Protein backbone atom coordinates (compact mmCIF):
# COMPACT_ATOMS: atom_id res chain seq x y z
CA MET A 1 -46.10 74.56 -74.33
CA SER A 2 -44.17 71.46 -73.42
CA GLN A 3 -45.06 68.36 -75.43
CA LYS A 4 -47.08 67.02 -72.47
CA LYS A 5 -49.08 70.23 -72.06
CA LEU A 6 -49.61 70.51 -75.80
CA LYS A 7 -51.08 67.01 -75.91
CA GLN A 8 -53.52 67.92 -73.12
CA PHE A 9 -54.45 71.11 -74.97
CA LEU A 10 -55.02 69.25 -78.24
CA VAL A 11 -57.35 66.75 -76.58
CA LYS A 12 -59.57 69.68 -75.59
CA GLU A 13 -59.34 71.14 -79.10
CA LEU A 14 -60.30 67.87 -80.78
CA LYS A 15 -63.35 67.56 -78.53
CA LYS A 16 -64.70 70.69 -80.22
CA TYR A 17 -64.83 68.85 -83.55
CA TYR A 18 -65.03 65.09 -82.89
CA ASP A 19 -67.21 62.87 -80.71
CA LYS A 20 -65.46 61.75 -77.54
CA ASP A 21 -65.46 58.09 -78.57
CA LYS A 22 -63.62 59.01 -81.78
CA ILE A 23 -60.64 60.50 -79.92
CA HIS A 24 -57.86 58.20 -78.71
CA ALA A 25 -55.15 59.60 -76.45
CA ARG A 26 -52.65 56.80 -75.97
CA ASP A 27 -49.00 56.40 -75.17
CA GLY A 28 -47.02 58.24 -77.85
CA PHE A 29 -49.83 59.83 -79.84
CA LEU A 30 -53.26 61.46 -80.08
CA PHE A 31 -55.61 60.14 -82.78
CA ALA A 32 -59.04 61.23 -84.00
CA GLU A 33 -61.27 59.25 -86.36
CA GLY A 34 -62.65 61.44 -89.13
CA ASN A 35 -65.39 61.11 -91.72
CA THR A 36 -63.05 61.75 -94.66
CA PRO A 37 -60.66 58.98 -95.81
CA VAL A 38 -57.56 61.18 -95.53
CA MET A 39 -55.20 61.42 -92.56
CA ILE A 40 -53.30 64.59 -91.63
CA THR A 41 -50.41 64.29 -89.21
CA ALA A 42 -47.87 66.43 -87.37
CA HIS A 43 -45.61 65.93 -84.36
CA MET A 44 -45.86 67.60 -80.96
CA ASP A 45 -42.21 67.71 -79.91
CA THR A 46 -39.53 70.21 -80.92
CA ILE A 47 -35.75 70.17 -80.69
CA HIS A 48 -35.85 72.63 -77.78
CA VAL A 49 -35.17 71.14 -74.36
CA ASN A 50 -37.06 73.91 -72.56
CA PRO A 51 -40.36 75.49 -73.64
CA ILE A 52 -39.96 78.86 -75.33
CA LYS A 53 -40.87 81.85 -73.15
CA ASP A 54 -43.99 83.78 -74.05
CA TYR A 55 -42.70 87.00 -75.57
CA TYR A 56 -45.64 88.96 -74.18
CA GLU A 57 -44.62 88.05 -70.62
CA TRP A 58 -41.09 89.38 -71.00
CA THR A 59 -39.97 92.44 -69.09
CA GLU A 60 -38.59 95.46 -70.96
CA GLU A 61 -35.12 94.42 -69.77
CA GLN A 62 -35.52 90.95 -71.31
CA VAL A 63 -36.81 92.40 -74.58
CA ASP A 64 -33.82 94.76 -74.72
CA LYS A 65 -31.43 91.89 -74.02
CA GLU A 66 -32.90 89.57 -76.64
CA LYS A 67 -32.45 91.98 -79.55
CA ASN A 68 -32.51 89.20 -82.13
CA PHE A 69 -36.12 88.33 -81.40
CA LYS A 70 -38.41 88.95 -84.39
CA TYR A 71 -42.19 88.94 -84.28
CA ASP A 72 -44.05 90.59 -87.12
CA VAL A 73 -46.48 89.66 -89.88
CA HIS A 74 -43.71 88.16 -92.02
CA VAL A 75 -41.12 86.28 -89.94
CA LEU A 76 -41.03 84.59 -86.54
CA SER A 77 -37.69 83.85 -84.91
CA SER A 78 -36.08 84.00 -81.51
CA PRO A 79 -32.58 83.55 -80.05
CA GLN A 80 -34.04 80.86 -77.78
CA GLY A 81 -35.67 79.04 -80.71
CA ILE A 82 -39.16 79.33 -82.18
CA GLY A 83 -40.32 75.72 -82.45
CA GLY A 84 -41.68 75.92 -85.99
CA ASP A 85 -40.70 72.28 -86.47
CA ASP A 86 -43.34 71.13 -85.96
CA ARG A 87 -45.61 73.62 -84.25
CA CYS A 88 -46.32 75.02 -87.72
CA GLY A 89 -47.86 71.67 -88.60
CA ILE A 90 -49.92 71.63 -85.39
CA TRP A 91 -51.27 75.12 -86.11
CA LEU A 92 -52.10 74.22 -89.71
CA ILE A 93 -54.14 71.20 -88.66
CA LEU A 94 -56.14 73.27 -86.18
CA GLN A 95 -56.87 75.76 -88.96
CA ILE A 96 -58.08 72.95 -91.25
CA LEU A 97 -60.45 71.76 -88.52
CA SER A 98 -61.76 75.28 -88.00
CA PHE A 99 -62.63 75.43 -91.71
CA GLY A 100 -65.07 72.54 -91.24
CA TYR A 101 -63.08 69.59 -92.59
CA ARG A 102 -63.02 66.35 -90.57
CA PRO A 103 -60.13 64.19 -91.73
CA PHE A 104 -58.44 61.58 -89.57
CA ILE A 105 -55.93 63.39 -87.34
CA LEU A 106 -52.75 62.01 -85.82
CA PHE A 107 -50.52 64.03 -83.49
CA ASN A 108 -47.31 62.13 -82.70
CA GLU A 109 -44.82 62.44 -79.86
CA ASP A 110 -41.03 62.36 -80.12
CA GLU A 111 -40.55 62.48 -83.88
CA GLU A 112 -37.26 64.29 -83.41
CA ILE A 113 -35.66 61.37 -81.57
CA GLY A 114 -36.66 58.60 -83.97
CA CYS A 115 -40.36 58.84 -84.88
CA ILE A 116 -41.20 57.18 -81.57
CA GLY A 117 -44.87 58.17 -81.50
CA ALA A 118 -45.51 57.06 -85.08
CA LYS A 119 -43.94 53.68 -84.33
CA LYS A 120 -46.15 53.30 -81.27
CA PHE A 121 -49.23 54.16 -83.33
CA CYS A 122 -48.29 51.43 -85.80
CA ARG A 123 -48.39 48.89 -82.97
CA ASN A 124 -52.02 49.78 -82.18
CA LYS A 125 -53.57 47.37 -84.65
CA ASP A 126 -57.15 48.33 -83.76
CA LEU A 127 -56.53 51.92 -84.91
CA ILE A 128 -54.64 50.81 -88.00
CA GLN A 129 -57.66 48.67 -88.89
CA LYS A 130 -60.00 51.67 -88.46
CA CYS A 131 -57.93 53.49 -91.08
CA LYS A 132 -58.07 50.54 -93.46
CA ASP A 133 -61.79 50.01 -92.93
CA LYS A 134 -62.38 53.62 -93.92
CA GLY A 135 -60.45 53.03 -97.15
CA MET A 136 -57.72 55.56 -96.37
CA LYS A 137 -56.78 57.35 -99.61
CA PHE A 138 -53.55 58.99 -98.49
CA ILE A 139 -51.73 60.68 -95.59
CA VAL A 140 -50.61 64.31 -95.55
CA GLU A 141 -47.82 65.17 -93.13
CA MET A 142 -47.29 68.83 -92.19
CA ASP A 143 -43.61 68.69 -91.28
CA ARG A 144 -41.28 69.89 -94.02
CA LYS A 145 -39.03 72.93 -94.27
CA ASN A 146 -39.14 75.45 -97.15
CA LYS A 147 -42.22 76.62 -99.05
CA HIS A 148 -42.79 74.40 -102.11
CA ASP A 149 -41.51 70.91 -101.21
CA LEU A 150 -43.35 67.62 -101.66
CA VAL A 151 -41.47 64.75 -100.02
CA PHE A 152 -42.57 61.15 -100.51
CA TYR A 153 -39.67 59.12 -99.01
CA ASP A 154 -40.14 55.47 -100.05
CA CYS A 155 -43.66 55.92 -101.40
CA ASP A 156 -43.44 54.52 -104.92
CA ASN A 157 -46.81 55.74 -106.20
CA ARG A 158 -45.82 57.88 -109.19
CA ASP A 159 -49.44 58.69 -110.03
CA PHE A 160 -49.85 60.16 -106.54
CA THR A 161 -46.65 62.19 -106.96
CA LYS A 162 -47.83 63.64 -110.25
CA TRP A 163 -51.26 64.42 -108.77
CA CYS A 164 -49.73 66.25 -105.80
CA GLU A 165 -47.50 68.30 -108.10
CA LYS A 166 -50.48 69.19 -110.29
CA VAL A 167 -52.74 70.20 -107.40
CA THR A 168 -50.15 72.28 -105.53
CA GLY A 169 -47.81 73.51 -108.24
CA TRP A 170 -44.98 72.38 -105.95
CA LYS A 171 -42.13 70.00 -106.81
CA GLU A 172 -40.91 66.69 -105.48
CA ASN A 173 -37.96 66.95 -103.11
CA TYR A 174 -36.17 64.44 -100.93
CA GLY A 175 -35.66 63.71 -97.25
CA SER A 176 -34.26 60.95 -95.09
CA CYS A 177 -37.13 59.97 -92.80
CA SER A 178 -40.23 61.25 -91.00
CA ASP A 179 -43.38 59.87 -89.39
CA ILE A 180 -45.03 58.89 -92.69
CA SER A 181 -42.06 56.66 -93.44
CA TYR A 182 -43.61 54.30 -90.87
CA LEU A 183 -47.31 55.21 -91.07
CA ALA A 184 -47.83 54.81 -94.81
CA PRO A 185 -46.47 51.24 -95.15
CA GLU A 186 -48.45 50.12 -92.09
CA ILE A 187 -51.75 51.63 -93.27
CA GLU A 188 -50.92 50.66 -96.86
CA CYS A 189 -51.58 53.96 -98.58
CA ALA A 190 -49.64 56.75 -100.28
CA ALA A 191 -48.30 59.71 -98.29
CA VAL A 192 -46.68 63.11 -98.75
CA ASN A 193 -44.91 65.58 -96.47
CA LEU A 194 -45.64 69.27 -97.22
CA SER A 195 -43.52 72.37 -96.66
CA CYS A 196 -44.73 74.46 -93.73
CA GLY A 197 -42.63 77.61 -94.14
CA TYR A 198 -39.93 76.99 -91.54
CA TYR A 199 -36.18 77.08 -92.16
CA ASP A 200 -32.97 75.86 -90.45
CA GLU A 201 -35.23 73.50 -88.57
CA HIS A 202 -32.69 71.76 -86.35
CA LYS A 203 -30.86 74.90 -85.32
CA LEU A 204 -31.68 77.16 -82.40
CA TRP A 205 -32.13 80.21 -84.63
CA HIS A 206 -34.53 78.66 -87.14
CA THR A 207 -37.28 80.88 -88.52
CA VAL A 208 -40.90 80.69 -89.66
CA LYS A 209 -42.04 82.64 -92.71
CA VAL A 210 -45.67 83.33 -91.97
CA GLU A 211 -47.05 83.85 -95.47
CA GLU A 212 -45.53 80.55 -96.61
CA MET A 213 -47.18 78.76 -93.70
CA PHE A 214 -50.53 80.39 -94.63
CA ASN A 215 -50.04 79.28 -98.24
CA THR A 216 -49.64 75.66 -97.14
């Protein structure tokens, strides 16, 4: 899906789990108020200019031409890109909702071109206040390559870092910037970005390792 179509799709998905008045689709983001003081976030855009074709709609001639396409229980990749950054994060959040959890949810637009959606969310002071009123404990972002990374950016809460390492068995790693770099200071809580099992994220041929995504 394009980012626009994905946002429309996610509105319908959230309505399965949240009351209508708890869902806020505004310029740059889609936000749902949960009953658990934890926010989970992912971004809706990818680096791909054009939406990826549905493999199941390809003709035999197209399949034969695109010999590098992989689709099995272990690895997803395609010569036209696979969009794991950050569609892995989107999928993971939908799975969490299907398990019965109701955290705060934030789907952002245009992370790849400067965290635009996250910045717009931070300007919606009414929604920021809803997070604070709930006593937000921390934010979990689903938008990191590899399989065992915990990235905290400028979050200086060492107790939170140690707790995350203990709970997951993963290790602290480092990155330059992502949506939580803006969200966490504005909401005034700790935040972590988790590996989602994708690799070579800003290259056309990047891959998704399915078991690693499931593990997250």
